[in-house]
PDB file of N, CA and C in Angstrom:
ATOM      1  N   MET A   1      64.441-205.337   4.029  1.00  0.00           N
ATOM      2  CA  MET A   1      63.790-205.068   5.160  1.00  0.00           C
ATOM      3  C   MET A   1      64.745-203.489   5.332  1.00  0.00           C
ATOM      4  N   CYS A   2      63.944-202.748   5.858  1.00  0.00           N
ATOM      5  CA  CYS A   2      64.085-201.478   6.025  1.00  0.00           C
ATOM      6  C   CYS A   2      64.286-200.828   7.458  1.00  0.00           C
ATOM      7  N   LEU A   3      65.203-200.069   7.769  1.00  0.00           N
ATOM      8  CA  LEU A   3      65.122-199.737   9.218  1.00  0.00           C
ATOM      9  C   LEU A   3      65.300-197.977   9.399  1.00  0.00           C
ATOM     10  N   ALA A   4      64.429-197.564  10.399  1.00  0.00           N
ATOM     11  CA  ALA A   4      64.441-196.144  10.097  1.00  0.00           C
ATOM     12  C   ALA A   4      65.305-195.882  11.507  1.00  0.00           C
ATOM     13  N   ILE A   5      66.717-195.146  11.542  1.00  0.00           N
ATOM     14  CA  ILE A   5      66.932-194.605  12.981  1.00  0.00           C
ATOM     15  C   ILE A   5      66.784-193.671  13.435  1.00  0.00           C
ATOM     16  N   PRO A   6      66.323-193.537  14.232  1.00  0.00           N
ATOM     17  CA  PRO A   6      65.667-192.257  15.123  1.00  0.00           C
ATOM     18  C   PRO A   6      66.879-191.037  14.798  1.00  0.00           C
ATOM     19  N   SER A   7      66.520-189.694  14.740  1.00  0.00           N
ATOM     20  CA  SER A   7      67.884-188.892  14.501  1.00  0.00           C
ATOM     21  C   SER A   7      67.104-187.559  14.733  1.00  0.00           C
ATOM     22  N   LYS A   8      68.091-186.394  16.050  1.00  0.00           N
ATOM     23  CA  LYS A   8      67.544-185.948  16.505  1.00  0.00           C
ATOM     24  C   LYS A   8      67.510-184.375  16.095  1.00  0.00           C
ATOM     25  N   VAL A   9      66.465-183.306  15.884  1.00  0.00           N
ATOM     26  CA  VAL A   9      66.784-182.550  14.935  1.00  0.00           C
ATOM     27  C   VAL A   9      66.969-181.665  15.585  1.00  0.00           C
ATOM     28  N   LEU A  10      68.073-181.093  14.856  1.00  0.00           N
ATOM     29  CA  LEU A  10      68.901-179.956  15.239  1.00  0.00           C
ATOM     30  C   LEU A  10      68.385-178.428  15.234  1.00  0.00           C
ATOM     31  N   LYS A  11      68.002-178.599  13.771  1.00  0.00           N
ATOM     32  CA  LYS A  11      67.168-177.073  13.579  1.00  0.00           C
ATOM     33  C   LYS A  11      66.268-177.132  12.536  1.00  0.00           C
ATOM     34  N   VAL A  12      65.446-176.146  12.547  1.00  0.00           N
ATOM     35  CA  VAL A  12      64.068-176.581  11.268  1.00  0.00           C
ATOM     36  C   VAL A  12      64.172-174.812  10.550  1.00  0.00           C
ATOM     37  N   ASP A  13      64.260-174.777   9.195  1.00  0.00           N
ATOM     38  CA  ASP A  13      64.039-173.495   8.706  1.00  0.00           C
ATOM     39  C   ASP A  13      62.480-173.379   8.280  1.00  0.00           C
ATOM     40  N   GLU A  14      62.523-172.272   7.737  1.00  0.00           N
ATOM     41  CA  GLU A  14      61.534-171.779   7.141  1.00  0.00           C
ATOM     42  C   GLU A  14      60.894-172.337   5.848  1.00  0.00           C
ATOM     43  N   ASN A  15      61.436-173.442   5.490  1.00  0.00           N
ATOM     44  CA  ASN A  15      61.186-174.021   4.072  1.00  0.00           C
ATOM     45  C   ASN A  15      60.404-175.347   4.898  1.00  0.00           C
ATOM     46  N   ASN A  16      59.945-175.396   6.049  1.00  0.00           N
ATOM     47  CA  ASN A  16      60.065-177.034   7.000  1.00  0.00           C
ATOM     48  C   ASN A  16      61.462-178.075   6.547  1.00  0.00           C
ATOM     49  N   MET A  17      62.270-177.745   6.304  1.00  0.00           N
ATOM     50  CA  MET A  17      63.565-178.522   5.990  1.00  0.00           C
ATOM     51  C   MET A  17      64.318-178.503   7.638  1.00  0.00           C
ATOM     52  N   ALA A  18      64.404-179.749   8.103  1.00  0.00           N
ATOM     53  CA  ALA A  18      65.384-179.944   9.537  1.00  0.00           C
ATOM     54  C   ALA A  18      66.552-180.305   9.154  1.00  0.00           C
ATOM     55  N   GLU A  19      67.490-179.919   9.756  1.00  0.00           N
ATOM     56  CA  GLU A  19      68.943-180.414  10.023  1.00  0.00           C
ATOM     57  C   GLU A  19      68.572-181.604  11.259  1.00  0.00           C
ATOM     58  N   VAL A  20      69.216-182.726  10.851  1.00  0.00           N
ATOM     59  CA  VAL A  20      69.214-183.683  11.987  1.00  0.00           C
ATOM     60  C   VAL A  20      70.194-184.742  11.867  1.00  0.00           C
ATOM     61  N   ASP A  21      70.887-185.257  13.205  1.00  0.00           N
ATOM     62  CA  ASP A  21      71.612-185.547  13.447  1.00  0.00           C
ATOM     63  C   ASP A  21      71.519-186.962  13.715  1.00  0.00           C
ATOM     64  N   THR A  22      71.960-188.518  12.680  1.00  0.00           N
ATOM     65  CA  THR A  22      71.656-189.887  12.471  1.00  0.00           C
ATOM     66  C   THR A  22      73.126-190.518  13.026  1.00  0.00           C
ATOM     67  N   LEU A  23      72.647-190.667  14.319  1.00  0.00           N
ATOM     68  CA  LEU A  23      74.089-191.364  14.977  1.00  0.00           C
ATOM     69  C   LEU A  23      75.172-190.453  14.131  1.00  0.00           C
ATOM     70  N   GLY A  24      75.125-189.472  14.629  1.00  0.00           N
ATOM     71  CA  GLY A  24      76.681-188.642  14.550  1.00  0.00           C
ATOM     72  C   GLY A  24      76.508-187.965  12.963  1.00  0.00           C
ATOM     73  N   VAL A  25      75.952-188.418  11.829  1.00  0.00           N
ATOM     74  CA  VAL A  25      75.788-188.061  10.768  1.00  0.00           C
ATOM     75  C   VAL A  25      75.152-186.763  10.574  1.00  0.00           C
ATOM     76  N   LYS A  26      75.364-185.663   9.977  1.00  0.00           N
ATOM     77  CA  LYS A  26      74.218-184.575   9.801  1.00  0.00           C
ATOM     78  C   LYS A  26      73.663-184.405   8.623  1.00  0.00           C
ATOM     79  N   ARG A  27      71.961-184.247   8.341  1.00  0.00           N
ATOM     80  CA  ARG A  27      71.542-184.355   7.232  1.00  0.00           C
ATOM     81  C   ARG A  27      70.527-183.700   7.155  1.00  0.00           C
ATOM     82  N   THR A  28      69.913-183.139   6.052  1.00  0.00           N
ATOM     83  CA  THR A  28      68.749-181.979   5.695  1.00  0.00           C
ATOM     84  C   THR A  28      67.816-183.144   5.288  1.00  0.00           C
ATOM     85  N   VAL A  29      66.813-183.092   6.117  1.00  0.00           N
ATOM     86  CA  VAL A  29      65.006-183.671   5.862  1.00  0.00           C
ATOM     87  C   VAL A  29      64.149-182.924   5.637  1.00  0.00           C
ATOM     88  N   SER A  30      63.315-183.516   5.062  1.00  0.00           N
ATOM     89  CA  SER A  30      61.928-182.551   4.958  1.00  0.00           C
ATOM     90  C   SER A  30      60.765-182.837   5.921  1.00  0.00           C
ATOM     91  N   LEU A  31      60.398-182.487   6.264  1.00  0.00           N
ATOM     92  CA  LEU A  31      59.214-182.698   7.416  1.00  0.00           C
ATOM     93  C   LEU A  31      57.880-182.093   7.034  1.00  0.00           C
ATOM     94  N   ASP A  32      57.770-181.923   5.636  1.00  0.00           N
ATOM     95  CA  ASP A  32      56.415-182.202   5.188  1.00  0.00           C
ATOM     96  C   ASP A  32      55.549-183.361   5.327  1.00  0.00           C
ATOM     97  N   LEU A  33      55.843-184.644   5.656  1.00  0.00           N
ATOM     98  CA  LEU A  33      55.126-185.470   5.561  1.00  0.00           C
ATOM     99  C   LEU A  33      54.563-185.960   7.008  1.00  0.00           C
ATOM    100  N   ILE A  34      55.037-184.695   8.234  1.00  0.00           N
ATOM    101  CA  ILE A  34      54.567-184.784   9.690  1.00  0.00           C
ATOM    102  C   ILE A  34      53.710-183.594   9.756  1.00  0.00           C
ATOM    103  N   GLN A  35      52.191-183.637  10.576  1.00  0.00           N
ATOM    104  CA  GLN A  35      51.574-183.344  10.702  1.00  0.00           C
ATOM    105  C   GLN A  35      51.964-182.354  11.900  1.00  0.00           C
ATOM    106  N   GLU A  36      52.426-182.605  12.971  1.00  0.00           N
ATOM    107  CA  GLU A  36      52.542-182.317  13.986  1.00  0.00           C
ATOM    108  C   GLU A  36      54.197-180.764  14.049  1.00  0.00           C
ATOM    109  N   GLU A  37      53.846-180.093  15.001  1.00  0.00           N
ATOM    110  CA  GLU A  37      55.304-179.315  15.336  1.00  0.00           C
ATOM    111  C   GLU A  37      56.304-180.015  15.438  1.00  0.00           C
ATOM    112  N   VAL A  38      57.498-179.930  15.017  1.00  0.00           N
ATOM    113  CA  VAL A  38      58.688-180.854  14.995  1.00  0.00           C
ATOM    114  C   VAL A  38      59.620-179.217  15.631  1.00  0.00           C
ATOM    115  N   LYS A  39      60.296-179.400  16.359  1.00  0.00           N
ATOM    116  CA  LYS A  39      61.415-178.620  16.951  1.00  0.00           C
ATOM    117  C   LYS A  39      62.778-178.913  16.978  1.00  0.00           C
ATOM    118  N   PRO A  40      63.957-178.039  17.376  1.00  0.00           N
ATOM    119  CA  PRO A  40      65.069-178.621  17.416  1.00  0.00           C
ATOM    120  C   PRO A  40      64.943-179.290  19.020  1.00  0.00           C
ATOM    121  N   GLY A  41      65.583-180.302  19.250  1.00  0.00           N
ATOM    122  CA  GLY A  41      65.446-181.396  20.275  1.00  0.00           C
ATOM    123  C   GLY A  41      64.862-182.368  20.239  1.00  0.00           C
ATOM    124  N   ASP A  42      63.670-182.558  19.141  1.00  0.00           N
ATOM    125  CA  ASP A  42      62.518-183.522  19.038  1.00  0.00           C
ATOM    126  C   ASP A  42      63.484-184.750  18.038  1.00  0.00           C
ATOM    127  N   TYR A  43      62.769-185.957  18.663  1.00  0.00           N
ATOM    128  CA  TYR A  43      63.240-186.493  17.735  1.00  0.00           C
ATOM    129  C   TYR A  43      62.128-187.514  16.130  1.00  0.00           C
ATOM    130  N   VAL A  44      62.996-187.885  15.332  1.00  0.00           N
ATOM    131  CA  VAL A  44      61.817-188.104  14.192  1.00  0.00           C
ATOM    132  C   VAL A  44      62.737-189.435  13.620  1.00  0.00           C
ATOM    133  N   LEU A  45      62.123-190.049  12.856  1.00  0.00           N
ATOM    134  CA  LEU A  45      62.427-191.295  12.258  1.00  0.00           C
ATOM    135  C   LEU A  45      62.474-190.590  10.815  1.00  0.00           C
ATOM    136  N   ILE A  46      63.290-191.026   9.966  1.00  0.00           N
ATOM    137  CA  ILE A  46      63.807-190.312   8.270  1.00  0.00           C
ATOM    138  C   ILE A  46      63.466-191.903   7.100  1.00  0.00           C
ATOM    139  N   HIS A  47      63.299-191.608   6.356  1.00  0.00           N
ATOM    140  CA  HIS A  47      63.065-192.509   5.746  1.00  0.00           C
ATOM    141  C   HIS A  47      63.508-191.494   4.276  1.00  0.00           C
ATOM    142  N   VAL A  48      64.444-191.914   3.607  1.00  0.00           N
ATOM    143  CA  VAL A  48      64.711-191.141   2.000  1.00  0.00           C
ATOM    144  C   VAL A  48      64.871-189.938   1.848  1.00  0.00           C
ATOM    145  N   GLY A  49      64.878-189.220   3.050  1.00  0.00           N
ATOM    146  CA  GLY A  49      65.247-187.626   2.989  1.00  0.00           C
ATOM    147  C   GLY A  49      63.639-187.001   3.803  1.00  0.00           C
ATOM    148  N   TYR A  50      62.904-187.775   4.054  1.00  0.00           N
ATOM    149  CA  TYR A  50      61.515-187.682   4.717  1.00  0.00           C
ATOM    150  C   TYR A  50      61.490-187.966   5.766  1.00  0.00           C
ATOM    151  N   ALA A  51      61.491-186.562   7.011  1.00  0.00           N
ATOM    152  CA  ALA A  51      60.704-186.924   8.134  1.00  0.00           C
ATOM    153  C   ALA A  51      59.289-188.255   8.216  1.00  0.00           C
ATOM    154  N   MET A  52      59.086-189.252   8.781  1.00  0.00           N
ATOM    155  CA  MET A  52      58.052-189.888   8.535  1.00  0.00           C
ATOM    156  C   MET A  52      57.241-189.853   9.976  1.00  0.00           C
ATOM    157  N   SER A  53      57.981-189.675  11.390  1.00  0.00           N
ATOM    158  CA  SER A  53      57.092-189.870  12.310  1.00  0.00           C
ATOM    159  C   SER A  53      57.933-188.925  13.242  1.00  0.00           C
ATOM    160  N   LYS A  54      57.487-188.574  14.325  1.00  0.00           N
ATOM    161  CA  LYS A  54      58.134-188.181  15.759  1.00  0.00           C
ATOM    162  C   LYS A  54      57.885-188.438  16.508  1.00  0.00           C
ATOM    163  N   ILE A  55      59.039-189.013  17.352  1.00  0.00           N
ATOM    164  CA  ILE A  55      58.741-190.316  18.716  1.00  0.00           C
ATOM    165  C   ILE A  55      59.637-189.581  19.597  1.00  0.00           C
ATOM    166  N   ASP A  56      58.722-190.356  20.861  1.00  0.00           N
ATOM    167  CA  ASP A  56      59.209-189.971  22.670  1.00  0.00           C
ATOM    168  C   ASP A  56      61.165-189.978  22.269  1.00  0.00           C
ATOM    169  N   GLU A  57      61.165-189.353  22.876  1.00  0.00           N
ATOM    170  CA  GLU A  57      62.987-189.169  23.384  1.00  0.00           C
ATOM    171  C   GLU A  57      63.155-190.172  24.316  1.00  0.00           C
ATOM    172  N   LYS A  58      62.468-190.851  24.763  1.00  0.00           N
ATOM    173  CA  LYS A  58      62.881-191.934  25.661  1.00  0.00           C
ATOM    174  C   LYS A  58      62.936-193.579  24.551  1.00  0.00           C
ATOM    175  N   PHE A  59      62.169-193.258  23.799  1.00  0.00           N
ATOM    176  CA  PHE A  59      62.067-194.538  22.639  1.00  0.00           C
ATOM    177  C   PHE A  59      63.056-194.317  21.786  1.00  0.00           C
ATOM    178  N   ALA A  60      63.628-193.105  21.848  1.00  0.00           N
ATOM    179  CA  ALA A  60      64.754-192.993  20.630  1.00  0.00           C
ATOM    180  C   ALA A  60      65.962-193.288  21.214  1.00  0.00           C
ATOM    181  N   LEU A  61      65.836-192.981  22.484  1.00  0.00           N
ATOM    182  CA  LEU A  61      67.384-193.163  22.856  1.00  0.00           C
ATOM    183  C   LEU A  61      67.653-194.244  23.040  1.00  0.00           C
ATOM    184  N   GLU A  62      66.417-195.251  23.414  1.00  0.00           N
ATOM    185  CA  GLU A  62      67.105-196.739  23.990  1.00  0.00           C
ATOM    186  C   GLU A  62      66.918-197.175  22.494  1.00  0.00           C
ATOM    187  N   SER A  63      66.291-196.918  21.075  1.00  0.00           N
ATOM    188  CA  SER A  63      66.422-197.842  20.183  1.00  0.00           C
ATOM    189  C   SER A  63      68.109-197.046  19.675  1.00  0.00           C
ATOM    190  N   ILE A  64      68.558-196.060  19.893  1.00  0.00           N
ATOM    191  CA  ILE A  64      70.008-195.746  19.250  1.00  0.00           C
ATOM    192  C   ILE A  64      70.824-197.001  20.221  1.00  0.00           C
ATOM    193  N   GLU A  65      70.782-196.979  21.204  1.00  0.00           N
ATOM    194  CA  GLU A  65      71.792-197.688  22.012  1.00  0.00           C
ATOM    195  C   GLU A  65      71.680-199.406  21.344  1.00  0.00           C
ATOM    196  N   VAL A  66      70.255-199.672  21.085  1.00  0.00           N
ATOM    197  CA  VAL A  66      70.232-200.997  20.557  1.00  0.00           C
ATOM    198  C   VAL A  66      70.862-201.065  19.375  1.00  0.00           C
ATOM    199  N   TYR A  67      71.103-199.873  18.386  1.00  0.00           N
ATOM    200  CA  TYR A  67      71.671-199.482  16.946  1.00  0.00           C
ATOM    201  C   TYR A  67      73.138-199.961  17.266  1.00  0.00           C
ATOM    202  N   LYS A  68      73.710-198.806  18.626  1.00  0.00           N
ATOM    203  CA  LYS A  68      74.911-199.084  18.359  1.00  0.00           C
ATOM    204  C   LYS A  68      75.465-200.572  18.843  1.00  0.00           C
ATOM    205  N   GLN A  69      74.576-201.358  19.431  1.00  0.00           N
ATOM    206  CA  GLN A  69      75.087-202.370  20.230  1.00  0.00           C
ATOM    207  C   GLN A  69      75.385-203.478  19.062  1.00  0.00           C
ATOM    208  N   LEU A  70      74.108-203.485  17.925  1.00  0.00           N
ATOM    209  CA  LEU A  70      74.093-204.414  16.601  1.00  0.00           C
ATOM    210  C   LEU A  70      75.398-203.968  16.242  1.00  0.00           C
ATOM    211  N   ALA A  71      75.452-202.608  15.933  1.00  0.00           N
ATOM    212  CA  ALA A  71      76.893-202.569  15.116  1.00  0.00           C
ATOM    213  C   ALA A  71      78.127-202.677  15.562  1.00  0.00           C
ATOM    214  N   GLU A  72      78.172-202.820  16.896  1.00  0.00           N
ATOM    215  CA  GLU A  72      79.460-203.401  17.625  1.00  0.00           C
ATOM    216  C   GLU A  72      79.162-205.103  17.558  1.00  0.00           C
ATOM    217  N   ALA A  73      78.293-205.512  17.622  1.00  0.00           N
ATOM    218  CA  ALA A  73      78.359-206.826  17.315  1.00  0.00           C
ATOM    219  C   ALA A  73      78.672-207.162  16.076  1.00  0.00           C
ATOM    220  N   ALA A  74      78.042-206.682  14.496  1.00  0.00           N
ATOM    221  CA  ALA A  74      78.614-206.708  13.460  1.00  0.00           C
ATOM    222  C   ALA A  74      79.742-206.521  13.378  1.00  0.00           C
ATOM    223  N   ALA A  75      80.642-205.286  14.068  1.00  0.00           N
ATOM    224  CA  ALA A  75      82.049-205.449  13.725  1.00  0.00           C
ATOM    225  C   ALA A  75      82.556-206.324  14.296  1.00  0.00           C
ATOM    226  N   MET A  76      82.426-206.926  15.327  1.00  0.00           N
ATOM    227  CA  MET A  76      83.070-207.938  15.878  1.00  0.00           C
ATOM    228  C   MET A  76      82.991-209.337  15.109  1.00  0.00           C
ATOM    229  N   GLU A  77      81.765-209.668  14.623  1.00  0.00           N
ATOM    230  CA  GLU A  77      81.803-210.594  13.795  1.00  0.00           C
ATOM    231  C   GLU A  77      82.623-210.441  12.248  1.00  0.00           C
ATOM    232  N   GLU A  78      82.528-209.565  12.168  1.00  0.00           N
ATOM    233  CA  GLU A  78      83.072-208.807  10.654  1.00  0.00           C
ATOM    234  C   GLU A  78      84.461-209.286  11.024  1.00  0.00           C
ATOM    235  N   ASP A  79      85.002-208.411  11.783  1.00  0.00           N
ATOM    236  CA  ASP A  79      86.796-209.061  12.053  1.00  0.00           C
ATOM    237  C   ASP A  79      87.008-210.648  12.568  1.00  0.00           C
ATOM    238  N   ALA A  80      86.129-211.534  12.891  1.00  0.00           N
ATOM    239  CA  ALA A  80      86.073-212.738  13.245  1.00  0.00           C
ATOM    240  C   ALA A  80      86.266-213.574  11.652  1.00  0.00           C
ATOM    241  N   ILE A  81      85.531-212.943  10.617  1.00  0.00           N
ATOM    242  CA  ILE A  81      85.417-213.875   9.461  1.00  0.00           C
ATOM    243  C   ILE A  81      85.690-213.148   8.077  1.00  0.00           C
ATOM    244  N   SER A  82      86.882-211.903   8.279  1.00  0.00           N
ATOM    245  CA  SER A  82      87.402-211.144   7.507  1.00  0.00           C
ATOM    246  C   SER A  82      87.539-211.789   6.151  1.00  0.00           C
ATOM    247  N   PRO A  83      87.528-211.642   5.076  1.00  0.00           N
ATOM    248  CA  PRO A  83      88.509-212.552   4.306  1.00  0.00           C
ATOM    249  C   PRO A  83      89.765-212.030   4.066  1.00  0.00           C
ATOM    250  N   GLU A  84      90.067-211.059   4.879  1.00  0.00           N
ATOM    251  CA  GLU A  84      91.889-210.575   4.974  1.00  0.00           C
ATOM    252  C   GLU A  84      92.234-212.175   5.716  1.00  0.00           C
ATOM    253  N   LYS A  85      91.685-212.201   6.456  1.00  0.00           N
ATOM    254  CA  LYS A  85      91.905-213.065   7.559  1.00  0.00           C
ATOM    255  C   LYS A  85      91.867-214.922   6.995  1.00  0.00           C
ATOM    256  N   LEU A  86      91.183-215.054   6.213  1.00  0.00           N
ATOM    257  CA  LEU A  86      90.979-215.723   5.517  1.00  0.00           C
ATOM    258  C   LEU A  86      91.805-216.664   4.653  1.00  0.00           C
ATOM    259  N   VAL A  87      92.343-215.585   3.700  1.00  0.00           N
ATOM    260  CA  VAL A  87      93.238-215.904   2.834  1.00  0.00           C
ATOM    261  C   VAL A  87      94.527-214.995   2.731  1.00  0.00           C
ATOM    262  N   ASN A  88      96.113-215.296   2.284  1.00  0.00           N
ATOM    263  CA  ASN A  88      96.797-214.297   2.220  1.00  0.00           C
ATOM    264  C   ASN A  88      97.820-214.699   0.853  1.00  0.00           C
ATOM    265  N   GLU A  89      98.814-214.135   0.675  1.00  0.00           N
ATOM    266  CA  GLU A  89      99.383-214.051  -0.560  1.00  0.00           C
ATOM    267  C   GLU A  89      99.564-215.681  -1.024  1.00  0.00           C
ATOM    268  N   ASP A  90      99.513-216.189  -0.068  1.00  0.00           N
ATOM    269  CA  ASP A  90      99.639-217.722  -0.895  1.00  0.00           C
ATOM    270  C   ASP A  90      98.352-218.759  -1.064  1.00  0.00           C
ATOM    271  N   GLY A  91      97.419-218.198  -1.023  1.00  0.00           N
ATOM    272  CA  GLY A  91      96.343-218.442  -1.087  1.00  0.00           C
ATOM    273  C   GLY A  91      95.310-218.878  -0.009  1.00  0.00           C
ATOM    274  N   PRO A  92      94.179-219.538  -0.072  1.00  0.00           N
ATOM    275  CA  PRO A  92      93.172-219.477   1.525  1.00  0.00           C
ATOM    276  C   PRO A  92      94.021-220.190   2.683  1.00  0.00           C
ATOM    277  N   LEU A  93      93.641-219.567   3.678  1.00  0.00           N
ATOM    278  CA  LEU A  93      94.587-220.456   4.778  1.00  0.00           C
ATOM    279  C   LEU A  93      93.786-221.436   5.397  1.00  0.00           C
ATOM    280  N   LEU A  94      94.028-222.291   5.789  1.00  0.00           N
ATOM    281  CA  LEU A  94      93.052-223.832   6.056  1.00  0.00           C
ATOM    282  C   LEU A  94      93.556-223.861   7.805  1.00  0.00           C
ATOM    283  N   TYR A  95      92.599-224.244   8.368  1.00  0.00           N
ATOM    284  CA  TYR A  95      92.427-224.794   9.863  1.00  0.00           C
ATOM    285  C   TYR A  95      93.530-225.453  10.450  1.00  0.00           C
ATOM    286  N   LYS A  96      94.577-225.028  10.910  1.00  0.00           N
ATOM    287  CA  LYS A  96      95.548-225.999  11.445  1.00  0.00           C
ATOM    288  C   LYS A  96      95.243-225.892  12.763  1.00  0.00           C
ATOM    289  N   PRO A  97      94.851-227.313  13.453  1.00  0.00           N
ATOM    290  CA  PRO A  97      94.997-227.523  14.751  1.00  0.00           C
ATOM    291  C   PRO A  97      96.384-227.234  15.529  1.00  0.00           C
ATOM    292  N   LYS A  98      96.363-226.445  16.900  1.00  0.00           N
ATOM    293  CA  LYS A  98      96.911-226.554  17.516  1.00  0.00           C
ATOM    294  C   LYS A  98      97.487-227.290  18.506  1.00  0.00           C
ATOM    295  N   ALA A  99      98.817-227.755  19.138  1.00  0.00           N
ATOM    296  CA  ALA A  99      99.303-228.938  19.648  1.00  0.00           C
ATOM    297  C   ALA A  99      98.525-228.909  20.393  1.00  0.00           C
ATOM    298  N   GLU A 100      97.523-228.183  21.225  1.00  0.00           N
ATOM    299  CA  GLU A 100      96.817-228.549  22.056  1.00  0.00           C
ATOM    300  C   GLU A 100      95.493-228.964  22.011  1.00  0.00           C
ATOM    301  N   ASP A 101      95.233-228.651  20.834  1.00  0.00           N
ATOM    302  CA  ASP A 101      93.971-229.200  20.212  1.00  0.00           C
ATOM    303  C   ASP A 101      94.074-230.659  19.598  1.00  0.00           C
ATOM    304  N   GLU A 102      95.138-231.602  19.729  1.00  0.00           N
ATOM    305  CA  GLU A 102      95.370-232.526  19.212  1.00  0.00           C
ATOM    306  C   GLU A 102      95.473-233.854  20.351  1.00  0.00           C
TER     307      GLU A 102
END
């Protein structure tokens, strides 16, 4: 599965390259595959260095919020099952019922 994360265009140069912000990460992408004009402040979907389409700001902001929620949920799940919590220097940790569980 491949996800395209909305990115905000920060600036566009004379070579049709744009600096974009993708969830706080700045990168440079080509605008050659987009037919319509793209300017700073627009949102685009990018894939492997190319902006694939320009998208509506409302949709972009809603999508970014969903990505943030997914990232937070994944981080919480990773904390719950991280290998460091399952193994220590003595080997695998086994579930030991607490006194109130018995």
